[in-house]
């Protein structure tokens, strides 16, 4: 007698499938419909913020592959995003179309990521963090002082996207373009982590010596993780350049790398969905806090505007600290508990 349960699978094909039940397919349809309707019911500034969140999510996925899945701590992620952004602005002065420039910017960032990953093979922990942070500082120095190429502190005007004779310049058009890229790269990363390469990354993160003993090539997979992470960062930087229409070295500071680390920690290390949730948290919470404190300043006259701005930053930091103390698994862990609760309701086991 065969007993089928909604919580168990019978074949490897079922275990590897992304949509196991009809209910998962149903909720995915609802989710996709919500995404399609969203840009037509929100204000322009909200849409602008959401588009930036989508761009951040791509870079966060790349960093999570390197840090969350492979265990290689990087504090220079902003440098690879800058490489992608400046590659796009420079290539935009040529005749190349945007659908060639975007992946080419990712490939350029990948090549540089491989060059960084090779000398960092024997480093781990804080030593690797210091090395990647130094690389980020070097890139920012180059962007500021190689004025013949980057125009220094003045930055560069980024090109516009033209497709089939139409110019993509509105928030709604960029929204659908960014959503498609996020979906494709997120889907690719999700499947990659379920394949041999993903298993190797996780094995290196959990116990690299044991992984090498069972036949995992540490050199190849560590360098590969750097390359894949850099590719995602390059794509994120390319979209950032297209969307903001201007790039400047001041955008890609050490604080941006710290923000990306916060995204994957808050969202959930070692999860693709957590990268997106973390990008939403880091991108939206400061905006919500700004609205809240702006309302308190106008209505209750609590402190000066400068004081409220500083208090907003402090509250933002305290919120992240409290979040990490009480939920180390990140937003993805909270979502998993909610989903499990719905599955087992009204029972407690």
Protein backbone atom coordinates (compact mmCIF):
# COMPACT_ATOMS: atom_id res chain seq x y z
CA UNK A 1 0.00 0.00 0.00
CA UNK A 2 1.38 3.39 -0.96
CA UNK A 3 0.79 6.40 1.26
CA UNK A 4 1.31 9.79 -0.28
CA UNK A 5 1.89 12.83 1.90
CA UNK A 6 2.13 16.49 1.03
CA UNK A 7 5.30 16.66 3.17
CA UNK A 8 7.21 13.74 1.63
CA UNK A 9 8.43 12.85 -1.84
CA UNK A 10 8.78 9.46 -3.50
CA UNK A 11 11.27 10.08 -6.32
CA UNK A 12 14.34 12.18 -6.98
CA UNK A 13 12.41 14.04 -9.66
CA UNK A 14 9.88 15.17 -7.05
CA UNK A 15 12.68 16.18 -4.70
CA UNK A 16 14.34 18.33 -7.36
CA UNK A 17 11.14 19.92 -8.67
CA UNK A 18 10.51 23.56 -7.75
CA UNK A 19 6.69 23.30 -7.89
CA UNK A 20 5.79 20.13 -6.02
CA UNK A 21 2.07 20.66 -5.41
CA UNK A 22 -0.84 22.38 -7.06
CA UNK A 23 -1.03 24.81 -4.13
CA UNK A 24 2.51 25.99 -4.77
CA UNK A 25 1.58 26.62 -8.39
CA UNK A 26 -1.57 28.47 -7.28
CA UNK A 27 0.32 30.82 -4.93
CA UNK A 28 2.96 31.41 -7.58
CA UNK A 29 0.22 32.52 -9.99
CA UNK A 30 -1.14 34.93 -7.35
CA UNK A 31 2.38 36.22 -6.71
CA UNK A 32 3.07 36.82 -10.42
CA UNK A 33 -0.25 38.60 -10.89
CA UNK A 34 0.57 40.87 -7.94
CA UNK A 35 3.94 41.70 -9.47
CA UNK A 36 2.31 42.61 -12.80
CA UNK A 37 -0.28 44.88 -11.16
CA UNK A 38 2.07 46.54 -8.65
CA UNK A 39 3.65 49.32 -10.81
CA UNK A 40 0.20 50.63 -11.80
CA UNK A 41 -1.06 51.18 -8.24
CA UNK A 42 1.93 52.80 -6.50
CA UNK A 43 3.40 56.28 -6.59
CA UNK A 44 6.43 57.19 -8.70
CA UNK A 45 8.88 57.43 -5.79
CA UNK A 46 7.74 54.07 -4.39
CA UNK A 47 8.30 52.50 -7.80
CA UNK A 48 11.74 54.13 -7.99
CA UNK A 49 12.66 52.61 -4.62
CA UNK A 50 11.37 49.17 -5.60
CA UNK A 51 13.39 49.25 -8.81
CA UNK A 52 16.53 49.98 -6.80
CA UNK A 53 15.62 47.11 -4.46
CA UNK A 54 15.46 44.79 -7.48
CA UNK A 55 18.93 45.93 -8.56
CA UNK A 56 20.24 45.43 -5.03
CA UNK A 57 18.73 41.93 -4.96
CA UNK A 58 20.83 40.83 -7.93
CA UNK A 59 24.04 41.93 -6.20
CA UNK A 60 22.88 40.34 -2.94
CA UNK A 61 22.32 36.99 -4.66
CA UNK A 62 25.88 37.13 -5.97
CA UNK A 63 27.32 37.91 -2.55
CA UNK A 64 25.24 35.17 -0.94
CA UNK A 65 26.68 32.64 -3.39
CA UNK A 66 30.18 33.61 -2.29
CA UNK A 67 29.61 34.21 1.42
CA UNK A 68 26.42 32.36 2.32
CA UNK A 69 26.94 29.22 0.24
CA UNK A 70 30.74 29.01 -0.05
CA UNK A 71 31.73 30.68 3.23
CA UNK A 72 34.14 33.17 1.63
CA UNK A 73 33.67 36.52 3.39
CA UNK A 74 33.90 39.49 1.02
CA UNK A 75 33.90 43.15 2.06
CA UNK A 76 34.68 44.39 -1.43
CA UNK A 77 31.43 43.60 -3.22
CA UNK A 78 30.85 47.27 -4.03
CA UNK A 79 34.03 47.24 -6.12
CA UNK A 80 32.62 44.63 -8.53
CA UNK A 81 29.34 46.54 -8.73
CA UNK A 82 31.38 49.64 -9.62
CA UNK A 83 33.24 47.69 -12.30
CA UNK A 84 29.95 46.64 -13.85
CA UNK A 85 28.55 50.18 -13.68
CA UNK A 86 31.62 51.84 -15.21
CA UNK A 87 31.95 49.12 -17.85
CA UNK A 88 28.40 49.92 -18.92
CA UNK A 89 29.02 53.67 -19.13
CA UNK A 90 32.23 53.20 -21.10
CA UNK A 91 30.81 50.57 -23.45
CA UNK A 92 27.72 52.74 -23.87
CA UNK A 93 29.83 55.19 -25.88
CA UNK A 94 30.22 52.52 -28.56
CA UNK A 95 27.67 51.15 -31.01
CA UNK A 96 26.89 48.09 -28.89
CA UNK A 97 23.23 47.56 -27.87
CA UNK A 98 22.24 47.25 -24.21
CA UNK A 99 21.53 43.48 -24.43
CA UNK A 100 25.21 43.04 -25.29
CA UNK A 101 26.54 45.63 -22.85
CA UNK A 102 24.76 44.21 -19.77
CA UNK A 103 26.18 40.65 -20.00
CA UNK A 104 29.53 42.00 -21.20
CA UNK A 105 29.74 44.18 -18.09
CA UNK A 106 29.08 41.07 -16.01
CA UNK A 107 31.80 39.18 -17.88
CA UNK A 108 34.33 41.99 -17.27
CA UNK A 109 33.50 41.91 -13.56
CA UNK A 110 33.82 38.11 -13.65
CA UNK A 111 37.29 38.29 -15.17
CA UNK A 112 38.48 40.71 -12.49
CA UNK A 113 36.78 38.59 -9.83
CA UNK A 114 38.77 35.57 -10.99
CA UNK A 115 41.98 37.59 -10.78
CA UNK A 116 41.09 38.55 -7.20
CA UNK A 117 39.97 35.05 -6.25
CA UNK A 118 43.18 33.29 -7.28
CA UNK A 119 45.56 35.06 -4.84
CA UNK A 120 42.92 34.83 -2.09
CA UNK A 121 42.68 31.03 -2.23
CA UNK A 122 44.71 30.46 0.94
CA UNK A 123 42.93 33.21 2.89
CA UNK A 124 39.87 32.74 5.04
CA UNK A 125 37.88 34.54 7.70
CA UNK A 126 39.06 38.01 8.66
CA UNK A 127 42.16 37.75 6.44
CA UNK A 128 39.97 37.25 3.37
CA UNK A 129 37.69 40.07 4.52
CA UNK A 130 40.68 42.41 4.83
CA UNK A 131 41.99 41.40 1.40
CA UNK A 132 38.66 42.03 -0.34
CA UNK A 133 38.22 45.30 1.56
CA UNK A 134 41.65 46.42 0.34
CA UNK A 135 40.65 45.56 -3.21
CA UNK A 136 37.54 47.70 -2.84
CA UNK A 137 39.63 50.64 -1.61
CA UNK A 138 42.01 50.23 -4.56
CA UNK A 139 39.13 50.24 -7.06
CA UNK A 140 37.67 53.38 -5.54
CA UNK A 141 41.08 55.08 -5.68
CA UNK A 142 41.39 54.14 -9.35
CA UNK A 143 37.91 55.49 -10.10
CA UNK A 144 38.76 58.81 -8.45
CA UNK A 145 42.20 59.30 -10.02
CA UNK A 146 42.02 57.70 -13.50
CA UNK A 147 40.27 60.81 -14.80
CA UNK A 148 40.98 60.15 -18.46
CA UNK A 149 38.80 57.04 -18.27
CA UNK A 150 36.38 57.60 -15.37
CA UNK A 151 36.24 61.44 -15.22
CA UNK A 152 37.21 61.26 -11.57
CA UNK A 153 34.95 62.73 -8.90
CA UNK A 154 32.60 64.21 -11.53
CA UNK A 155 31.51 60.75 -12.59
CA UNK A 156 30.10 59.75 -15.96
CA UNK A 157 26.73 59.97 -17.65
CA UNK A 158 25.36 56.51 -18.30
CA UNK A 159 23.71 55.55 -21.61
CA UNK A 160 20.00 54.96 -22.08
CA UNK A 161 18.33 51.71 -23.07
CA UNK A 162 16.85 51.57 -26.56
CA UNK A 163 14.99 48.48 -27.70
CA UNK A 164 13.34 48.10 -31.13
CA UNK A 165 13.53 51.84 -31.61
CA UNK A 166 11.85 52.62 -28.28
CA UNK A 167 13.66 54.32 -25.43
CA UNK A 168 13.24 52.69 -22.01
CA UNK A 169 13.12 55.65 -19.64
CA UNK A 170 10.01 55.37 -17.46
CA UNK A 171 9.82 53.72 -14.03
CA UNK A 172 7.24 51.16 -15.21
CA UNK A 173 9.36 50.09 -18.17
CA UNK A 174 12.43 49.69 -15.98
CA UNK A 175 10.34 47.81 -13.41
CA UNK A 176 9.41 45.02 -15.81
CA UNK A 177 12.93 44.92 -17.25
CA UNK A 178 14.49 44.61 -13.78
CA UNK A 179 11.91 42.03 -12.66
CA UNK A 180 12.73 39.82 -15.65
CA UNK A 181 16.47 40.01 -14.92
CA UNK A 182 15.94 39.29 -11.21
CA UNK A 183 13.75 36.28 -12.03
CA UNK A 184 16.17 34.84 -14.59
CA UNK A 185 19.28 35.26 -12.43
CA UNK A 186 17.47 34.15 -9.27
CA UNK A 187 16.12 31.06 -11.03
CA UNK A 188 19.58 30.28 -12.40
CA UNK A 189 21.17 30.66 -8.94
CA UNK A 190 18.48 28.52 -7.31
CA UNK A 191 19.04 25.69 -9.76
CA UNK A 192 22.82 26.12 -9.60
CA UNK A 193 22.77 25.57 -5.84
CA UNK A 194 20.78 22.34 -6.34
CA UNK A 195 23.36 20.95 -8.76
CA UNK A 196 26.85 19.56 -8.24
CA UNK A 197 28.45 22.99 -8.12
CA UNK A 198 26.10 24.13 -5.35
CA UNK A 199 26.75 20.98 -3.32
CA UNK A 200 30.48 21.62 -3.66
CA UNK A 201 30.08 25.22 -2.47
CA UNK A 202 28.16 24.09 0.60
CA UNK A 203 30.70 21.36 1.36
CA UNK A 204 33.52 23.93 1.23
CA UNK A 205 31.59 26.23 3.54
CA UNK A 206 30.81 23.54 6.10
CA UNK A 207 34.18 21.71 6.16
CA UNK A 208 36.68 22.45 3.41
CA UNK A 209 39.22 19.83 4.47
CA UNK A 210 36.59 17.08 4.46
CA UNK A 211 35.33 18.34 1.10
CA UNK A 212 38.83 18.07 -0.36
CA UNK A 213 39.18 14.55 1.02
CA UNK A 214 36.02 13.38 -0.76
CA UNK A 215 37.24 14.83 -4.05
CA UNK A 216 36.06 18.46 -4.18
CA UNK A 217 38.62 20.62 -5.98
CA UNK A 218 38.92 23.55 -3.56
CA UNK A 219 40.92 25.73 -5.94
CA UNK A 220 38.50 25.40 -8.81
CA UNK A 221 35.31 25.87 -6.81
CA UNK A 222 36.57 28.77 -4.69
CA UNK A 223 37.69 30.66 -7.80
CA UNK A 224 34.42 29.72 -9.47
CA UNK A 225 32.47 31.17 -6.54
CA UNK A 226 34.38 34.44 -6.87
CA UNK A 227 33.67 34.53 -10.59
CA UNK A 228 29.93 33.84 -10.28
CA UNK A 229 29.56 36.36 -7.46
CA UNK A 230 31.40 38.98 -9.51
CA UNK A 231 29.19 38.29 -12.53
CA UNK A 232 26.03 38.97 -10.53
CA UNK A 233 27.63 42.11 -9.07
CA UNK A 234 28.57 43.28 -12.57
CA UNK A 235 25.01 42.81 -13.81
CA UNK A 236 23.70 44.70 -10.78
CA UNK A 237 26.13 47.56 -11.43
CA UNK A 238 25.18 47.66 -15.10
CA UNK A 239 21.47 47.97 -14.32
CA UNK A 240 22.27 50.59 -11.68
CA UNK A 241 24.09 52.69 -14.28
CA UNK A 242 21.25 52.39 -16.77
CA UNK A 243 18.60 53.24 -14.20
CA UNK A 244 20.27 56.14 -12.40
CA UNK A 245 21.77 57.52 -15.67
CA UNK A 246 24.93 58.58 -13.81
CA UNK A 247 27.75 56.86 -11.96
CA UNK A 248 30.13 58.37 -9.43
CA UNK A 249 32.88 56.82 -7.28
CA UNK A 250 31.09 58.05 -4.17
CA UNK A 251 28.29 55.57 -4.83
CA UNK A 252 30.57 52.55 -4.40
CA UNK A 253 32.16 53.05 -1.01
CA UNK A 254 32.94 50.59 1.76
CA UNK A 255 29.57 51.35 3.32
CA UNK A 256 27.84 49.87 0.26
CA UNK A 257 29.74 46.62 0.76
CA UNK A 258 28.66 46.63 4.41
CA UNK A 259 25.05 47.16 3.33
CA UNK A 260 25.26 44.13 1.03
CA UNK A 261 26.61 42.04 3.89
CA UNK A 262 23.70 43.25 6.00
CA UNK A 263 21.29 42.24 3.22
CA UNK A 264 22.37 38.61 3.15
CA UNK A 265 22.67 38.34 6.94
CA UNK A 266 19.25 39.85 7.60
CA UNK A 267 17.65 37.98 4.70
CA UNK A 268 19.28 34.66 5.49
CA UNK A 269 22.71 33.27 4.67
CA UNK A 270 22.74 30.44 2.16
CA UNK A 271 19.32 31.19 0.63
CA UNK A 272 18.41 32.82 -2.67
CA UNK A 273 15.03 34.01 -1.43
CA UNK A 274 16.75 35.42 1.65
CA UNK A 275 18.91 37.61 -0.59
CA UNK A 276 15.80 39.18 -2.09
CA UNK A 277 14.11 39.57 1.29
CA UNK A 278 17.27 41.15 2.72
CA UNK A 279 17.49 43.59 -0.19
CA UNK A 280 13.88 44.58 0.44
CA UNK A 281 14.57 45.07 4.14
CA UNK A 282 17.72 47.16 3.70
CA UNK A 283 16.22 49.12 0.82
CA UNK A 284 12.77 49.83 2.26
CA UNK A 285 13.20 50.14 6.03
CA UNK A 286 15.30 53.34 5.84
CA UNK A 287 12.60 54.87 3.64
CA UNK A 288 9.88 53.91 6.10
CA UNK A 289 11.89 55.27 9.00
CA UNK A 290 12.47 58.50 7.08
CA UNK A 291 8.72 58.88 6.52
CA UNK A 292 8.01 58.14 10.20
CA UNK A 293 10.56 60.58 11.56
CA UNK A 294 9.59 63.22 9.01
CA UNK A 295 5.99 62.94 10.25
CA UNK A 296 7.11 63.18 13.89
CA UNK A 297 9.21 66.24 13.08
CA UNK A 298 6.38 68.06 11.32
CA UNK A 299 3.49 67.08 13.59
CA UNK A 300 5.08 66.82 17.04
CA UNK A 301 8.10 69.09 16.47
CA UNK A 302 10.45 66.53 18.02
CA UNK A 303 13.99 67.90 17.61
CA UNK A 304 15.55 69.47 14.58
CA UNK A 305 15.69 67.91 11.14
CA UNK A 306 19.38 67.01 11.53
CA UNK A 307 18.66 65.35 14.87
CA UNK A 308 15.80 63.33 13.38
CA UNK A 309 18.06 62.21 10.52
CA UNK A 310 20.71 61.00 12.96
CA UNK A 311 18.07 59.33 15.11
CA UNK A 312 16.76 57.55 12.01
CA UNK A 313 20.22 56.12 11.30
CA UNK A 314 20.62 55.02 14.93
CA UNK A 315 17.18 53.37 14.93
CA UNK A 316 18.05 51.59 11.69
CA UNK A 317 21.22 50.17 13.23
CA UNK A 318 19.46 49.14 16.45
CA UNK A 319 16.74 47.43 14.39
CA UNK A 320 19.32 45.32 12.56
CA UNK A 321 21.13 44.40 15.82
CA UNK A 322 17.90 43.34 17.51
CA UNK A 323 16.92 41.39 14.44
CA UNK A 324 20.19 39.47 14.41
CA UNK A 325 19.97 38.75 18.15
CA UNK A 326 16.45 37.36 18.10
CA UNK A 327 16.38 35.81 14.61
CA UNK A 328 19.81 34.69 13.46
CA UNK A 329 18.30 32.70 10.61
CA UNK A 330 17.10 35.88 8.94
CA UNK A 331 13.82 36.76 7.28
CA UNK A 332 13.87 33.51 5.35
CA UNK A 333 13.73 31.53 8.61
CA UNK A 334 10.70 33.56 9.71
CA UNK A 335 9.03 32.84 6.38
CA UNK A 336 9.79 29.13 6.74
CA UNK A 337 8.14 29.06 10.17
CA UNK A 338 5.07 30.86 8.85
CA UNK A 339 4.83 28.45 5.93
CA UNK A 340 5.22 25.44 8.23
CA UNK A 341 2.55 26.85 10.52
CA UNK A 342 0.09 27.08 7.63
CA UNK A 343 0.89 23.52 6.56
CA UNK A 344 0.36 22.01 10.02
CA UNK A 345 -2.58 24.19 11.11
CA UNK A 346 -4.68 23.55 13.19
CA UNK A 347 -2.28 20.95 14.65
CA UNK A 348 0.86 21.89 16.55
CA UNK A 349 3.08 19.02 15.42
